[in-house]
Amino acid sequence: MKIHAIHDAGGNITRIIVCPPNAPPAGTAVGPGYFSTEVEAPDIMINAAAPESYQNLVQVLKNFQVELKTESKLVRKNYG
């Protein structure tokens, strides 16, 4: 499962947006000093028919942060 983690510059998550499998890319507006990063969360299972499964997201908020890396690479634009 992919999630969008809304976080500060230290990687501390303040909000999570869940993206269903095969959904088009999502985005959200974030305030100054916050970032939206899409991350893979393969161990997080959410079932819309089982509201108690959303407690898994609460555990992510409590126990995880986004690892921030400064690596970037230049790639050629795709005009196709």
Protein backbone atom coordinates (compact mmCIF):
# COMPACT_ATOMS: atom_id res chain seq x y z
CA MET A 1 0.00 0.00 0.00
CA LYS A 2 1.19 3.50 -0.74
CA ILE A 3 0.52 6.33 1.64
CA HIS A 4 1.16 10.03 1.45
CA ALA A 5 2.83 11.18 4.62
CA ILE A 6 2.48 14.86 5.44
CA HIS A 7 5.54 15.70 7.50
CA ASP A 8 7.84 18.45 8.68
CA ALA A 9 11.50 18.94 7.73
CA GLY A 10 12.51 16.48 10.45
CA GLY A 11 10.36 13.69 8.96
CA ASN A 12 7.76 13.83 11.76
CA ILE A 13 4.43 12.73 10.30
CA THR A 14 1.41 14.90 11.06
CA ARG A 15 -1.14 13.43 8.62
CA ILE A 16 -1.52 10.35 6.45
CA ILE A 17 -3.45 10.02 3.21
CA VAL A 18 -4.23 6.47 2.11
CA CYS A 19 -4.04 5.65 -1.60
CA PRO A 20 -5.96 2.62 -2.86
CA PRO A 21 -4.01 0.20 -5.05
CA ASN A 22 -3.95 1.16 -8.74
CA ALA A 23 -5.26 4.64 -7.96
CA PRO A 24 -3.93 7.57 -9.96
CA PRO A 25 -1.30 9.68 -8.22
CA ALA A 26 -2.74 11.79 -5.45
CA GLY A 27 -1.65 15.04 -3.97
CA THR A 28 -2.61 17.43 -1.25
CA ALA A 29 -1.90 21.00 -0.37
CA VAL A 30 0.41 21.35 2.59
CA GLY A 31 1.16 24.37 4.71
CA PRO A 32 4.46 26.22 4.95
CA GLY A 33 7.20 24.05 6.41
CA TYR A 34 5.44 20.78 5.56
CA PHE A 35 5.99 18.27 2.79
CA SER A 36 4.01 15.46 1.17
CA THR A 37 5.98 12.31 0.46
CA GLU A 38 4.59 9.14 -1.08
CA VAL A 39 5.98 6.10 0.69
CA GLU A 40 5.48 2.36 0.38
CA ALA A 41 3.88 0.82 3.46
CA PRO A 42 3.54 -2.87 2.58
CA ASP A 43 2.83 -3.95 6.16
CA ILE A 44 -0.09 -1.53 6.61
CA MET A 45 -3.45 -3.07 5.84
CA ILE A 46 -6.63 -0.99 5.70
CA ASN A 47 -10.07 -2.45 5.13
CA ALA A 48 -12.81 0.12 4.58
CA ALA A 49 -15.38 -2.43 5.79
CA ALA A 50 -13.50 -2.80 9.09
CA PRO A 51 -13.13 0.63 10.71
CA GLU A 52 -10.91 -0.82 13.45
CA SER A 53 -8.23 -1.42 10.79
CA TYR A 54 -7.67 2.35 10.68
CA GLN A 55 -5.92 1.96 14.04
CA ASN A 56 -2.97 0.76 11.94
CA LEU A 57 -2.58 4.34 10.70
CA VAL A 58 -2.60 5.63 14.27
CA GLN A 59 0.27 3.25 15.00
CA VAL A 60 2.18 4.62 12.01
CA LEU A 61 1.72 8.17 13.33
CA LYS A 62 2.97 7.15 16.77
CA ASN A 63 5.86 4.90 15.78
CA PHE A 64 7.26 6.01 12.43
CA GLN A 65 8.73 8.99 10.64
CA VAL A 66 9.78 9.65 7.06
CA GLU A 67 13.44 9.02 6.35
CA LEU A 68 14.70 12.09 4.54
CA LYS A 69 17.52 11.69 2.08
CA THR A 70 19.28 14.42 0.21
CA GLU A 71 20.12 12.27 -2.79
CA SER A 72 18.76 13.47 -6.07
CA LYS A 73 19.61 12.66 -9.62
CA LEU A 74 19.07 14.44 -12.88
CA VAL A 75 17.02 12.51 -15.39
CA ARG A 76 16.13 13.29 -18.98
CA LYS A 77 12.62 14.64 -19.59
CA ASN A 78 10.17 12.28 -21.23
CA TYR A 79 8.30 14.11 -24.02
CA GLY A 80 6.41 10.98 -25.13
